[in-house]
Amino acid sequence: MKLTMPEGFGRALAAGGSNPASRRGRRNGVGRLVARLWRKSSVAGLAAYALALGGVLGLASADWATSGGYPFGGVQVGDWTAWPRAGAANADPYTRAVNARRGEIPLAVGEGLLLTAAADDAGQALDATCTYRIGGGTPPARAWTLTVAGRGPRDPGRAPVREGFTSTEVLRSADGRFTVVLGPEVQPGNWLPSPRASGPVRLALRLYDTPVAASVGSLDRSTVPAVTRLGCAP
């Protein structure tokens, strides 16, 4: 059975297909559709880019804020900075993040006090290539520890070395005061080896069962050890 189109339908279809205005209308419709899709994809792409950029910046800032010491809450005492709230239950989120990243259990307010030093008494940053004298007294405490650490992982292949002294093992003078020498070369007496060949160094003085934990404002320069640079390797 042969199907035939009504007379005039084919001519109208041919006329419509060859009509320039009709072709322009179709092209304009396609163009508007493409433009609409492009705008939607551009908005979605911009939103995805903004989210990705925000995530990268957030992670980078969090890494920077928690890679060193505590960012907030320090009390300057001579060469040292006391951190009375480092182990508090209501410590700020950055302090808790630093503790978690280090894997440390900080001293609670009633247990003791942490003091750190990253510069000497001249204000210069502690460096592993230099030699320092750490001496004087410490605030009253049942016990204390003095430790040293470098920022970052330990140098590969470096043999384990002493990382600190305790109040029970440090050698003292007749008046009860002590001197610890921190440096890369072996020293007589209380020698604390540099934790790495080069790079920044940080000292930590932890006071256990000390009355000053509840009144950090009573500390002054004379009650904490002085950190003096003796020289640096060429």
N, C-alpha and C. Protein backbone atom coordinates (compact mmCIF):
# COMPACT_ATOMS: atom_id res chain seq x y z
N MET A 1 0.85 -1.19 0.00
CA MET A 1 0.00 0.00 0.00
C MET A 1 0.88 1.23 0.00
N LYS A 2 0.64 2.13 -0.89
CA LYS A 2 1.50 3.29 -1.06
C LYS A 2 0.84 4.48 -0.37
N LEU A 3 1.65 5.12 0.55
CA LEU A 3 1.17 6.29 1.28
C LEU A 3 1.54 7.54 0.51
N THR A 4 0.60 8.42 0.44
CA THR A 4 0.85 9.69 -0.25
C THR A 4 0.50 10.84 0.67
N MET A 5 1.28 11.92 0.58
CA MET A 5 1.02 13.10 1.39
C MET A 5 -0.05 13.93 0.72
N PRO A 6 -0.83 14.62 1.50
CA PRO A 6 -1.85 15.50 0.91
C PRO A 6 -1.19 16.53 0.02
N GLU A 7 -1.93 16.90 -0.98
CA GLU A 7 -1.41 17.87 -1.93
C GLU A 7 -1.17 19.20 -1.22
N GLY A 8 -0.04 19.75 -1.45
CA GLY A 8 0.31 21.02 -0.84
C GLY A 8 1.15 20.89 0.42
N PHE A 9 1.08 19.72 1.09
CA PHE A 9 1.84 19.53 2.32
C PHE A 9 3.32 19.49 2.04
N GLY A 10 3.69 18.78 0.99
CA GLY A 10 5.11 18.71 0.63
C GLY A 10 5.65 20.05 0.23
N ARG A 11 4.80 20.82 -0.52
CA ARG A 11 5.28 22.13 -0.94
C ARG A 11 5.46 23.05 0.26
N ALA A 12 4.53 22.95 1.21
CA ALA A 12 4.66 23.78 2.41
C ALA A 12 5.88 23.39 3.23
N LEU A 13 6.14 22.08 3.37
CA LEU A 13 7.30 21.61 4.10
C LEU A 13 8.58 22.07 3.44
N ALA A 14 8.63 21.96 2.10
CA ALA A 14 9.82 22.39 1.38
C ALA A 14 10.01 23.88 1.52
N ALA A 15 8.89 24.61 1.47
CA ALA A 15 9.00 26.05 1.60
C ALA A 15 9.48 26.45 2.98
N GLY A 16 8.95 25.75 4.00
CA GLY A 16 9.41 26.06 5.36
C GLY A 16 10.85 25.73 5.56
N GLY A 17 11.32 24.59 4.99
CA GLY A 17 12.70 24.21 5.18
C GLY A 17 13.66 25.12 4.47
N SER A 18 13.18 25.72 3.36
CA SER A 18 14.08 26.59 2.63
C SER A 18 13.91 28.05 2.99
N ASN A 19 12.97 28.33 3.93
CA ASN A 19 12.73 29.71 4.34
C ASN A 19 13.89 30.21 5.20
N PRO A 20 14.57 31.29 4.83
CA PRO A 20 15.71 31.82 5.62
C PRO A 20 15.29 32.20 7.02
N ALA A 21 14.14 32.80 7.18
CA ALA A 21 13.70 33.21 8.53
C ALA A 21 13.53 32.01 9.44
N SER A 22 13.00 30.91 8.85
CA SER A 22 12.82 29.70 9.66
C SER A 22 14.15 29.12 10.08
N ARG A 23 15.09 29.14 9.14
CA ARG A 23 16.42 28.60 9.50
C ARG A 23 17.08 29.46 10.57
N ARG A 24 16.94 30.78 10.46
CA ARG A 24 17.52 31.66 11.47
C ARG A 24 16.87 31.42 12.84
N GLY A 25 15.58 31.18 12.82
CA GLY A 25 14.90 30.92 14.09
C GLY A 25 15.41 29.65 14.75
N ARG A 26 15.60 28.62 13.92
CA ARG A 26 16.12 27.38 14.50
C ARG A 26 17.54 27.58 15.05
N ARG A 27 18.37 28.33 14.28
CA ARG A 27 19.73 28.57 14.75
C ARG A 27 19.74 29.38 16.05
N ASN A 28 18.85 30.38 16.12
CA ASN A 28 18.78 31.18 17.33
C ASN A 28 18.32 30.35 18.52
N GLY A 29 17.36 29.45 18.28
CA GLY A 29 16.92 28.58 19.36
C GLY A 29 18.02 27.68 19.86
N VAL A 30 18.78 27.10 18.93
CA VAL A 30 19.91 26.25 19.33
C VAL A 30 20.96 27.06 20.07
N GLY A 31 21.21 28.29 19.58
CA GLY A 31 22.20 29.14 20.24
C GLY A 31 21.80 29.48 21.66
N ARG A 32 20.49 29.80 21.84
CA ARG A 32 20.03 30.11 23.20
C ARG A 32 20.15 28.90 24.11
N LEU A 33 19.85 27.72 23.58
CA LEU A 33 19.97 26.51 24.37
C LEU A 33 21.41 26.26 24.79
N VAL A 34 22.35 26.44 23.84
CA VAL A 34 23.77 26.24 24.14
C VAL A 34 24.24 27.26 25.18
N ALA A 35 23.80 28.53 25.00
CA ALA A 35 24.21 29.57 25.95
C ALA A 35 23.68 29.28 27.35
N ARG A 36 22.42 28.79 27.41
CA ARG A 36 21.84 28.48 28.71
C ARG A 36 22.60 27.34 29.39
N LEU A 37 22.93 26.31 28.62
CA LEU A 37 23.70 25.20 29.18
C LEU A 37 25.09 25.65 29.61
N TRP A 38 25.70 26.53 28.83
CA TRP A 38 27.04 27.03 29.16
C TRP A 38 27.02 27.83 30.47
N ARG A 39 25.97 28.67 30.61
CA ARG A 39 25.87 29.44 31.85
C ARG A 39 25.70 28.54 33.05
N LYS A 40 24.87 27.54 32.92
CA LYS A 40 24.67 26.62 34.04
C LYS A 40 25.95 25.86 34.37
N SER A 41 26.66 25.39 33.33
CA SER A 41 27.90 24.66 33.58
C SER A 41 28.96 25.58 34.17
N SER A 42 28.97 26.88 33.75
CA SER A 42 29.94 27.82 34.28
C SER A 42 29.70 28.08 35.76
N VAL A 43 28.43 28.25 36.13
CA VAL A 43 28.10 28.46 37.54
C VAL A 43 28.49 27.25 38.37
N ALA A 44 28.18 26.05 37.87
CA ALA A 44 28.53 24.83 38.60
C ALA A 44 30.04 24.69 38.70
N GLY A 45 30.75 25.00 37.61
CA GLY A 45 32.21 24.91 37.64
C GLY A 45 32.82 25.91 38.61
N LEU A 46 32.27 27.14 38.62
CA LEU A 46 32.76 28.16 39.55
C LEU A 46 32.52 27.75 40.99
N ALA A 47 31.35 27.17 41.25
CA ALA A 47 31.05 26.71 42.61
C ALA A 47 32.00 25.59 43.03
N ALA A 48 32.25 24.65 42.12
CA ALA A 48 33.17 23.56 42.44
C ALA A 48 34.58 24.08 42.67
N TYR A 49 35.00 25.06 41.87
CA TYR A 49 36.34 25.66 42.04
C TYR A 49 36.44 26.36 43.38
N ALA A 50 35.38 27.11 43.76
CA ALA A 50 35.40 27.83 45.03
C ALA A 50 35.47 26.86 46.20
N LEU A 51 34.71 25.77 46.12
CA LEU A 51 34.75 24.76 47.19
C LEU A 51 36.12 24.11 47.29
N ALA A 52 36.70 23.76 46.13
CA ALA A 52 38.02 23.14 46.14
C ALA A 52 39.08 24.08 46.69
N LEU A 53 39.02 25.36 46.27
CA LEU A 53 39.99 26.35 46.76
C LEU A 53 39.84 26.56 48.26
N GLY A 54 38.59 26.64 48.73
CA GLY A 54 38.36 26.80 50.16
C GLY A 54 38.88 25.62 50.96
N GLY A 55 38.68 24.40 50.43
CA GLY A 55 39.19 23.22 51.11
C GLY A 55 40.70 23.20 51.19
N VAL A 56 41.37 23.56 50.09
CA VAL A 56 42.84 23.58 50.07
C VAL A 56 43.37 24.63 51.04
N LEU A 57 42.79 25.84 50.99
CA LEU A 57 43.25 26.90 51.89
C LEU A 57 42.98 26.55 53.35
N GLY A 58 41.84 25.91 53.61
CA GLY A 58 41.53 25.51 54.98
C GLY A 58 42.52 24.48 55.51
N LEU A 59 42.81 23.48 54.70
CA LEU A 59 43.77 22.45 55.12
C LEU A 59 45.16 23.04 55.29
N ALA A 60 45.56 23.93 54.38
CA ALA A 60 46.89 24.54 54.47
C ALA A 60 47.02 25.40 55.72
N SER A 61 45.99 26.20 56.02
CA SER A 61 46.05 27.05 57.20
C SER A 61 46.03 26.22 58.48
N ALA A 62 45.26 25.13 58.50
CA ALA A 62 45.23 24.26 59.67
C ALA A 62 46.58 23.59 59.88
N ASP A 63 47.21 23.17 58.78
CA ASP A 63 48.54 22.56 58.89
C ASP A 63 49.55 23.56 59.41
N TRP A 64 49.50 24.81 58.92
CA TRP A 64 50.44 25.83 59.37
C TRP A 64 50.22 26.16 60.84
N ALA A 65 48.97 26.26 61.26
CA ALA A 65 48.67 26.66 62.63
C ALA A 65 49.03 25.60 63.65
N THR A 66 49.08 24.34 63.23
CA THR A 66 49.34 23.26 64.19
C THR A 66 50.70 22.61 64.01
N SER A 67 51.52 23.11 63.08
CA SER A 67 52.81 22.47 62.83
C SER A 67 53.90 22.91 63.79
N GLY A 68 53.74 24.06 64.43
CA GLY A 68 54.74 24.55 65.37
C GLY A 68 54.26 24.42 66.80
N GLY A 69 54.42 25.52 67.56
CA GLY A 69 53.96 25.52 68.94
C GLY A 69 52.51 25.94 69.03
N TYR A 70 52.09 26.15 70.26
CA TYR A 70 50.71 26.60 70.48
C TYR A 70 50.56 28.02 69.96
N PRO A 71 49.49 28.29 69.22
CA PRO A 71 49.35 29.63 68.63
C PRO A 71 48.83 30.69 69.59
N PHE A 72 48.11 30.28 70.65
CA PHE A 72 47.49 31.26 71.54
C PHE A 72 47.72 30.86 73.00
N GLY A 73 47.59 31.85 73.89
CA GLY A 73 47.57 31.58 75.32
C GLY A 73 48.91 31.58 76.01
N GLY A 74 49.99 32.02 75.34
CA GLY A 74 51.31 32.01 75.95
C GLY A 74 51.55 33.24 76.82
N VAL A 75 52.37 33.07 77.85
CA VAL A 75 52.77 34.16 78.75
C VAL A 75 54.29 34.23 78.71
N GLN A 76 54.84 35.35 78.23
CA GLN A 76 56.28 35.49 78.07
C GLN A 76 56.95 35.71 79.42
N VAL A 77 58.00 34.90 79.67
CA VAL A 77 58.79 35.01 80.89
C VAL A 77 60.26 34.90 80.49
N GLY A 78 60.92 36.03 80.30
CA GLY A 78 62.31 36.00 79.85
C GLY A 78 62.43 35.35 78.48
N ASP A 79 63.33 34.35 78.37
CA ASP A 79 63.51 33.63 77.11
C ASP A 79 62.41 32.60 76.86
N TRP A 80 61.57 32.39 77.84
CA TRP A 80 60.60 31.30 77.80
C TRP A 80 59.18 31.82 77.64
N THR A 81 58.33 30.93 77.16
CA THR A 81 56.89 31.21 77.07
C THR A 81 56.16 30.14 77.86
N ALA A 82 55.40 30.56 78.85
CA ALA A 82 54.62 29.62 79.67
C ALA A 82 53.26 29.39 79.01
N TRP A 83 52.78 28.15 79.12
CA TRP A 83 51.50 27.76 78.53
C TRP A 83 50.60 27.19 79.62
N PRO A 84 49.99 28.06 80.42
CA PRO A 84 49.20 27.57 81.56
C PRO A 84 47.92 26.85 81.18
N ARG A 85 47.40 27.09 79.95
CA ARG A 85 46.13 26.49 79.55
C ARG A 85 46.30 25.36 78.55
N ALA A 86 47.54 24.90 78.33
CA ALA A 86 47.76 23.87 77.30
C ALA A 86 47.02 22.58 77.61
N GLY A 87 46.90 22.24 78.89
CA GLY A 87 46.22 21.01 79.25
C GLY A 87 44.86 21.21 79.87
N ALA A 88 44.32 22.42 79.76
CA ALA A 88 43.02 22.70 80.36
C ALA A 88 41.90 22.02 79.58
N ALA A 89 40.84 21.69 80.29
CA ALA A 89 39.70 21.03 79.64
C ALA A 89 39.02 21.94 78.64
N ASN A 90 39.10 23.26 78.87
CA ASN A 90 38.46 24.22 77.96
C ASN A 90 39.49 24.91 77.07
N ALA A 91 40.58 24.23 76.75
CA ALA A 91 41.58 24.80 75.85
C ALA A 91 40.97 25.07 74.49
N ASP A 92 41.54 26.06 73.77
CA ASP A 92 40.98 26.42 72.47
C ASP A 92 41.22 25.30 71.47
N PRO A 93 40.46 25.26 70.37
CA PRO A 93 40.57 24.16 69.40
C PRO A 93 41.96 24.01 68.79
N TYR A 94 42.68 25.13 68.58
CA TYR A 94 44.01 25.04 68.00
C TYR A 94 44.98 24.34 68.96
N THR A 95 44.88 24.66 70.24
CA THR A 95 45.73 24.01 71.23
C THR A 95 45.46 22.52 71.28
N ARG A 96 44.18 22.13 71.26
CA ARG A 96 43.85 20.71 71.26
C ARG A 96 44.36 20.03 69.99
N ALA A 97 44.31 20.74 68.85
CA ALA A 97 44.81 20.17 67.60
C ALA A 97 46.31 19.97 67.64
N VAL A 98 47.05 20.92 68.23
CA VAL A 98 48.50 20.77 68.36
C VAL A 98 48.83 19.57 69.24
N ASN A 99 48.13 19.41 70.35
CA ASN A 99 48.35 18.26 71.23
C ASN A 99 48.09 16.94 70.50
N ALA A 100 47.00 16.92 69.72
CA ALA A 100 46.67 15.70 68.99
C ALA A 100 47.72 15.40 67.92
N ARG A 101 48.19 16.43 67.25
CA ARG A 101 49.18 16.21 66.18
C ARG A 101 50.51 15.73 66.76
N ARG A 102 50.89 16.26 67.91
CA ARG A 102 52.14 15.83 68.55
C ARG A 102 52.01 14.46 69.20
N GLY A 103 50.80 14.08 69.51
CA GLY A 103 50.61 12.82 70.24
C GLY A 103 51.02 12.93 71.69
N GLU A 104 50.91 14.14 72.26
CA GLU A 104 51.33 14.37 73.64
C GLU A 104 50.12 14.48 74.56
N ILE A 105 50.36 14.16 75.82
CA ILE A 105 49.35 14.37 76.86
C ILE A 105 49.84 15.56 77.69
N PRO A 106 49.26 16.74 77.50
CA PRO A 106 49.78 17.92 78.18
C PRO A 106 49.50 17.88 79.67
N LEU A 107 50.27 18.69 80.41
CA LEU A 107 50.07 18.78 81.85
C LEU A 107 48.79 19.55 82.14
N ALA A 108 47.96 18.97 82.98
CA ALA A 108 46.74 19.67 83.40
C ALA A 108 47.11 20.82 84.33
N VAL A 109 46.15 21.71 84.55
CA VAL A 109 46.44 22.90 85.36
C VAL A 109 46.92 22.52 86.75
N GLY A 110 46.38 21.49 87.35
CA GLY A 110 46.80 21.11 88.69
C GLY A 110 48.02 20.20 88.73
N GLU A 111 48.52 19.79 87.59
CA GLU A 111 49.65 18.86 87.55
C GLU A 111 50.99 19.54 87.36
N GLY A 112 51.03 20.64 86.65
CA GLY A 112 52.30 21.29 86.39
C GLY A 112 52.17 22.39 85.36
N LEU A 113 53.31 22.77 84.80
CA LEU A 113 53.36 23.89 83.88
C LEU A 113 54.40 23.62 82.80
N LEU A 114 54.07 23.94 81.56
CA LEU A 114 54.98 23.80 80.43
C LEU A 114 55.50 25.17 80.02
N LEU A 115 56.83 25.26 79.83
CA LEU A 115 57.46 26.46 79.29
C LEU A 115 58.30 26.05 78.08
N THR A 116 58.26 26.82 77.02
CA THR A 116 59.04 26.52 75.83
C THR A 116 59.90 27.73 75.46
N ALA A 117 61.01 27.45 74.77
CA ALA A 117 61.89 28.51 74.29
C ALA A 117 62.33 28.17 72.88
N ALA A 118 62.19 29.12 71.97
CA ALA A 118 62.63 28.94 70.59
C ALA A 118 63.63 30.01 70.19
N ALA A 119 64.04 30.88 71.14
CA ALA A 119 65.01 31.93 70.88
C ALA A 119 65.89 32.11 72.12
N ASP A 120 67.09 32.66 71.91
CA ASP A 120 68.00 32.88 73.04
C ASP A 120 67.71 34.23 73.69
N ASP A 121 68.56 34.62 74.66
CA ASP A 121 68.30 35.86 75.38
C ASP A 121 68.56 37.10 74.55
N ALA A 122 69.15 36.94 73.35
CA ALA A 122 69.32 38.06 72.42
C ALA A 122 68.18 38.14 71.42
N GLY A 123 67.23 37.23 71.51
CA GLY A 123 66.10 37.23 70.60
C GLY A 123 66.35 36.50 69.30
N GLN A 124 67.50 35.83 69.15
CA GLN A 124 67.79 35.09 67.93
C GLN A 124 67.27 33.67 68.04
N ALA A 125 66.70 33.17 66.94
CA ALA A 125 66.12 31.83 66.93
C ALA A 125 67.18 30.77 67.24
N LEU A 126 66.81 29.79 68.02
CA LEU A 126 67.72 28.69 68.34
C LEU A 126 68.00 27.87 67.09
N ASP A 127 69.29 27.57 66.87
CA ASP A 127 69.70 26.85 65.67
C ASP A 127 70.57 25.68 66.08
N ALA A 128 70.40 24.54 65.41
CA ALA A 128 71.12 23.33 65.78
C ALA A 128 72.62 23.43 65.52
N THR A 129 73.06 24.35 64.69
CA THR A 129 74.48 24.50 64.41
C THR A 129 75.20 25.33 65.47
N CYS A 130 74.46 25.91 66.40
CA CYS A 130 75.05 26.78 67.42
C CYS A 130 75.13 26.06 68.77
N THR A 131 75.94 26.63 69.66
CA THR A 131 76.11 26.10 71.01
C THR A 131 75.53 27.10 72.00
N TYR A 132 74.76 26.61 72.96
CA TYR A 132 74.08 27.47 73.92
C TYR A 132 74.36 27.00 75.35
N ARG A 133 74.36 27.98 76.24
CA ARG A 133 74.45 27.68 77.67
C ARG A 133 73.09 27.96 78.28
N ILE A 134 72.53 26.93 78.90
CA ILE A 134 71.22 27.04 79.56
C ILE A 134 71.48 26.89 81.05
N GLY A 135 71.32 27.93 81.79
CA GLY A 135 71.69 27.85 83.19
C GLY A 135 70.91 28.76 84.09
N GLY A 136 71.07 28.51 85.39
CA GLY A 136 70.39 29.29 86.41
C GLY A 136 69.55 28.38 87.27
N GLY A 137 68.45 28.89 87.71
CA GLY A 137 67.56 28.11 88.54
C GLY A 137 66.25 27.84 87.83
N THR A 138 65.38 27.17 88.53
CA THR A 138 64.04 26.90 88.01
C THR A 138 63.02 27.30 89.07
N PRO A 139 61.80 27.59 88.67
CA PRO A 139 60.75 27.88 89.65
C PRO A 139 60.57 26.70 90.60
N PRO A 140 60.03 26.93 91.79
CA PRO A 140 59.83 25.83 92.72
C PRO A 140 58.93 24.75 92.13
N ALA A 141 59.37 23.52 92.22
CA ALA A 141 58.61 22.39 91.68
C ALA A 141 59.13 21.12 92.32
N ARG A 142 58.26 20.12 92.43
CA ARG A 142 58.69 18.84 92.99
C ARG A 142 59.71 18.17 92.07
N ALA A 143 59.53 18.34 90.76
CA ALA A 143 60.44 17.78 89.78
C ALA A 143 60.30 18.56 88.48
N TRP A 144 61.32 18.47 87.62
CA TRP A 144 61.24 19.13 86.33
C TRP A 144 62.04 18.35 85.30
N THR A 145 61.74 18.58 84.03
CA THR A 145 62.51 18.00 82.93
C THR A 145 62.82 19.10 81.92
N LEU A 146 64.00 19.02 81.33
CA LEU A 146 64.41 19.94 80.28
C LEU A 146 64.72 19.10 79.04
N THR A 147 63.96 19.30 77.98
CA THR A 147 64.13 18.51 76.77
C THR A 147 64.33 19.43 75.57
N VAL A 148 64.90 18.86 74.51
CA VAL A 148 65.14 19.61 73.28
C VAL A 148 64.58 18.82 72.11
N ALA A 149 64.09 19.54 71.14
CA ALA A 149 63.55 18.88 69.94
C ALA A 149 63.73 19.81 68.76
N GLY A 150 63.88 19.22 67.60
CA GLY A 150 63.90 19.98 66.35
C GLY A 150 62.55 19.85 65.69
N ARG A 151 62.20 20.81 64.86
CA ARG A 151 60.91 20.74 64.18
C ARG A 151 61.05 19.85 62.95
N GLY A 152 60.13 18.91 62.81
CA GLY A 152 60.18 17.99 61.69
C GLY A 152 60.71 16.63 62.13
N PRO A 153 60.73 15.66 61.21
CA PRO A 153 61.18 14.31 61.54
C PRO A 153 62.67 14.27 61.82
N ARG A 154 63.08 13.28 62.57
CA ARG A 154 64.50 13.11 62.89
C ARG A 154 65.28 12.79 61.62
N ASP A 155 66.52 13.27 61.56
CA ASP A 155 67.36 12.99 60.40
C ASP A 155 67.53 11.49 60.23
N PRO A 156 67.31 10.97 59.02
CA PRO A 156 67.47 9.52 58.80
C PRO A 156 68.91 9.09 59.01
N GLY A 157 69.06 7.95 59.67
CA GLY A 157 70.39 7.41 59.91
C GLY A 157 71.10 8.00 61.11
N ARG A 158 70.50 9.02 61.76
CA ARG A 158 71.14 9.62 62.92
C ARG A 158 70.93 8.74 64.14
N ALA A 159 72.02 8.46 64.83
CA ALA A 159 71.94 7.57 66.00
C ALA A 159 71.14 8.24 67.11
N PRO A 160 70.42 7.48 67.93
CA PRO A 160 69.67 8.06 69.05
C PRO A 160 70.62 8.78 70.02
N VAL A 161 70.25 9.96 70.45
CA VAL A 161 71.06 10.73 71.38
C VAL A 161 70.19 11.19 72.54
N ARG A 162 70.85 11.70 73.57
CA ARG A 162 70.12 12.21 74.73
C ARG A 162 69.23 13.37 74.30
N GLU A 163 68.01 13.37 74.81
CA GLU A 163 67.05 14.41 74.45
C GLU A 163 66.71 15.33 75.60
N GLY A 164 67.25 15.06 76.80
CA GLY A 164 66.91 15.94 77.91
C GLY A 164 67.55 15.53 79.21
N PHE A 165 67.30 16.33 80.24
CA PHE A 165 67.75 16.07 81.60
C PHE A 165 66.55 16.17 82.53
N THR A 166 66.66 15.49 83.66
CA THR A 166 65.66 15.62 84.71
C THR A 166 66.30 16.27 85.92
N SER A 167 65.49 16.76 86.83
CA SER A 167 66.01 17.43 88.02
C SER A 167 66.78 16.50 88.92
N THR A 168 66.59 15.20 88.78
CA THR A 168 67.28 14.25 89.65
C THR A 168 68.64 13.81 89.10
N GLU A 169 68.93 14.06 87.83
CA GLU A 169 70.17 13.59 87.25
C GLU A 169 71.11 14.69 86.81
N VAL A 170 70.65 15.92 86.73
CA VAL A 170 71.50 17.00 86.26
C VAL A 170 72.57 17.31 87.32
N LEU A 171 73.78 17.59 86.86
CA LEU A 171 74.87 17.95 87.75
C LEU A 171 74.71 19.40 88.18
N ARG A 172 74.92 19.68 89.48
CA ARG A 172 74.71 21.02 90.01
C ARG A 172 75.97 21.53 90.69
N SER A 173 76.02 22.84 90.82
CA SER A 173 77.10 23.46 91.58
C SER A 173 76.75 23.43 93.06
N ALA A 174 77.65 23.95 93.89
CA ALA A 174 77.44 23.88 95.34
C ALA A 174 76.20 24.65 95.79
N ASP A 175 75.83 25.69 95.05
CA ASP A 175 74.67 26.48 95.45
C ASP A 175 73.36 25.92 94.89
N GLY A 176 73.43 24.76 94.23
CA GLY A 176 72.23 24.11 93.72
C GLY A 176 71.84 24.53 92.32
N ARG A 177 72.58 25.47 91.74
CA ARG A 177 72.27 25.89 90.38
C ARG A 177 72.94 24.95 89.38
N PHE A 178 72.52 25.01 88.13
CA PHE A 178 73.04 24.08 87.13
C PHE A 178 73.30 24.81 85.83
N THR A 179 74.10 24.17 84.98
CA THR A 179 74.36 24.68 83.63
C THR A 179 74.31 23.50 82.67
N VAL A 180 73.51 23.64 81.63
CA VAL A 180 73.42 22.64 80.58
C VAL A 180 73.91 23.29 79.29
N VAL A 181 74.78 22.59 78.57
CA VAL A 181 75.30 23.09 77.30
C VAL A 181 74.63 22.33 76.17
N LEU A 182 73.96 23.07 75.30
CA LEU A 182 73.30 22.49 74.13
C LEU A 182 74.15 22.80 72.91
N GLY A 183 74.55 21.78 72.16
CA GLY A 183 75.36 22.03 70.98
C GLY A 183 75.68 20.76 70.22
N PRO A 184 76.25 20.92 69.03
CA PRO A 184 76.56 19.73 68.20
C PRO A 184 77.82 18.99 68.63
N GLU A 185 78.72 19.67 69.36
CA GLU A 185 79.98 19.06 69.78
C GLU A 185 79.91 18.62 71.23
N VAL A 186 80.60 17.52 71.54
CA VAL A 186 80.61 16.98 72.90
C VAL A 186 81.18 18.01 73.87
N GLN A 187 80.53 18.17 75.01
CA GLN A 187 80.94 19.12 76.04
C GLN A 187 81.03 18.41 77.37
N PRO A 188 81.95 18.86 78.28
CA PRO A 188 82.00 18.26 79.62
C PRO A 188 80.78 18.66 80.44
N GLY A 189 80.44 17.85 81.41
CA GLY A 189 79.32 18.17 82.27
C GLY A 189 77.99 17.80 81.66
N ASN A 190 77.04 18.68 81.84
CA ASN A 190 75.69 18.44 81.33
C ASN A 190 75.62 18.85 79.86
N TRP A 191 75.88 17.89 78.97
CA TRP A 191 75.83 18.18 77.53
C TRP A 191 74.54 17.63 76.93
N LEU A 192 73.85 18.50 76.22
CA LEU A 192 72.62 18.12 75.53
C LEU A 192 72.88 18.22 74.03
N PRO A 193 72.98 17.09 73.32
CA PRO A 193 73.30 17.13 71.89
C PRO A 193 72.20 17.81 71.08
N SER A 194 72.60 18.50 70.02
CA SER A 194 71.62 19.07 69.10
C SER A 194 70.83 17.93 68.45
N PRO A 195 69.55 18.10 68.27
CA PRO A 195 68.73 17.00 67.75
C PRO A 195 68.93 16.73 66.26
N ARG A 196 69.57 17.62 65.53
CA ARG A 196 69.80 17.45 64.10
C ARG A 196 71.02 18.26 63.71
N ALA A 197 71.51 18.05 62.49
CA ALA A 197 72.71 18.74 62.03
C ALA A 197 72.46 20.23 61.84
N SER A 198 71.28 20.61 61.41
CA SER A 198 70.96 22.02 61.20
C SER A 198 69.45 22.19 61.29
N GLY A 199 69.04 23.43 61.45
CA GLY A 199 67.61 23.70 61.51
C GLY A 199 67.20 24.26 62.85
N PRO A 200 65.94 24.67 62.98
CA PRO A 200 65.45 25.27 64.22
C PRO A 200 65.37 24.26 65.36
N VAL A 201 65.48 24.79 66.56
CA VAL A 201 65.46 23.97 67.78
C VAL A 201 64.48 24.59 68.77
N ARG A 202 63.84 23.76 69.53
CA ARG A 202 62.91 24.23 70.55
C ARG A 202 63.19 23.52 71.87
N LEU A 203 63.25 24.28 72.95
CA LEU A 203 63.45 23.73 74.29
C LEU A 203 62.11 23.68 75.02
N ALA A 204 61.96 22.68 75.87
CA ALA A 204 60.75 22.54 76.67
C ALA A 204 61.14 22.28 78.12
N LEU A 205 60.65 23.10 79.01
CA LEU A 205 60.87 22.94 80.45
C LEU A 205 59.53 22.62 81.09
N ARG A 206 59.43 21.43 81.67
CA ARG A 206 58.17 21.00 82.29
C ARG A 206 58.36 20.95 83.81
N LEU A 207 57.52 21.69 84.50
CA LEU A 207 57.54 21.74 85.96
C LEU A 207 56.40 20.90 86.49
N TYR A 208 56.71 19.94 87.37
CA TYR A 208 55.69 19.04 87.90
C TYR A 208 55.38 19.40 89.36
N ASP A 209 54.09 19.42 89.67
CA ASP A 209 53.61 19.74 91.01
C ASP A 209 54.24 21.05 91.49
N THR A 210 53.95 22.11 90.77
CA THR A 210 54.52 23.42 91.08
C THR A 210 53.42 24.41 91.45
N PRO A 211 53.67 25.26 92.45
CA PRO A 211 52.64 26.24 92.83
C PRO A 211 52.47 27.35 91.80
N VAL A 212 53.46 27.55 90.92
CA VAL A 212 53.36 28.65 89.96
C VAL A 212 52.39 28.34 88.84
N ALA A 213 51.92 27.09 88.75
CA ALA A 213 50.97 26.74 87.70
C ALA A 213 49.67 27.53 87.85
N ALA A 214 49.35 27.91 89.08
CA ALA A 214 48.12 28.66 89.32
C ALA A 214 48.35 30.16 89.31
N SER A 215 49.61 30.60 89.22
CA SER A 215 49.90 32.05 89.24
C SER A 215 51.12 32.32 88.37
N VAL A 216 50.94 32.14 87.06
CA VAL A 216 52.05 32.34 86.13
C VAL A 216 52.55 33.77 86.17
N GLY A 217 51.70 34.72 86.51
CA GLY A 217 52.10 36.12 86.55
C GLY A 217 53.17 36.40 87.59
N SER A 218 53.38 35.49 88.53
CA SER A 218 54.40 35.71 89.56
C SER A 218 55.81 35.36 89.08
N LEU A 219 55.92 34.74 87.91
CA LEU A 219 57.23 34.38 87.38
C LEU A 219 57.92 35.61 86.79
N ASP A 220 59.26 35.66 86.90
CA ASP A 220 60.04 36.70 86.23
C ASP A 220 61.31 36.08 85.67
N ARG A 221 62.12 36.89 85.01
CA ARG A 221 63.29 36.39 84.30
C ARG A 221 64.26 35.66 85.24
N SER A 222 64.37 36.10 86.46
CA SER A 222 65.35 35.51 87.39
C SER A 222 64.95 34.12 87.86
N THR A 223 63.71 33.73 87.64
CA THR A 223 63.26 32.43 88.13
C THR A 223 63.32 31.33 87.07
N VAL A 224 63.69 31.68 85.84
CA VAL A 224 63.76 30.68 84.77
C VAL A 224 65.19 30.66 84.23
N PRO A 225 65.63 29.54 83.66
CA PRO A 225 66.99 29.47 83.13
C PRO A 225 67.20 30.45 81.96
N ALA A 226 68.40 31.01 81.89
CA ALA A 226 68.77 31.88 80.78
C ALA A 226 69.34 31.02 79.65
N VAL A 227 69.08 31.42 78.41
CA VAL A 227 69.58 30.71 77.23
C VAL A 227 70.52 31.67 76.50
N THR A 228 71.81 31.38 76.54
CA THR A 228 72.82 32.27 75.98
C THR A 228 73.58 31.58 74.87
N ARG A 229 73.69 32.23 73.73
CA ARG A 229 74.45 31.68 72.59
C ARG A 229 75.95 31.86 72.85
N LEU A 230 76.69 30.75 72.71
CA LEU A 230 78.14 30.79 72.89
C LEU A 230 78.89 30.88 71.57
N GLY A 231 78.32 30.42 70.49
CA GLY A 231 78.94 30.46 69.19
C GLY A 231 78.24 29.52 68.23
N CYS A 232 78.57 29.66 66.95
CA CYS A 232 77.95 28.83 65.92
C CYS A 232 79.02 28.28 64.99
N ALA A 233 78.76 27.13 64.42
CA ALA A 233 79.67 26.52 63.49
C ALA A 233 79.76 27.39 62.23
N PRO A 234 80.96 27.53 61.63
CA PRO A 234 81.09 28.35 60.44
C PRO A 234 80.34 27.72 59.25
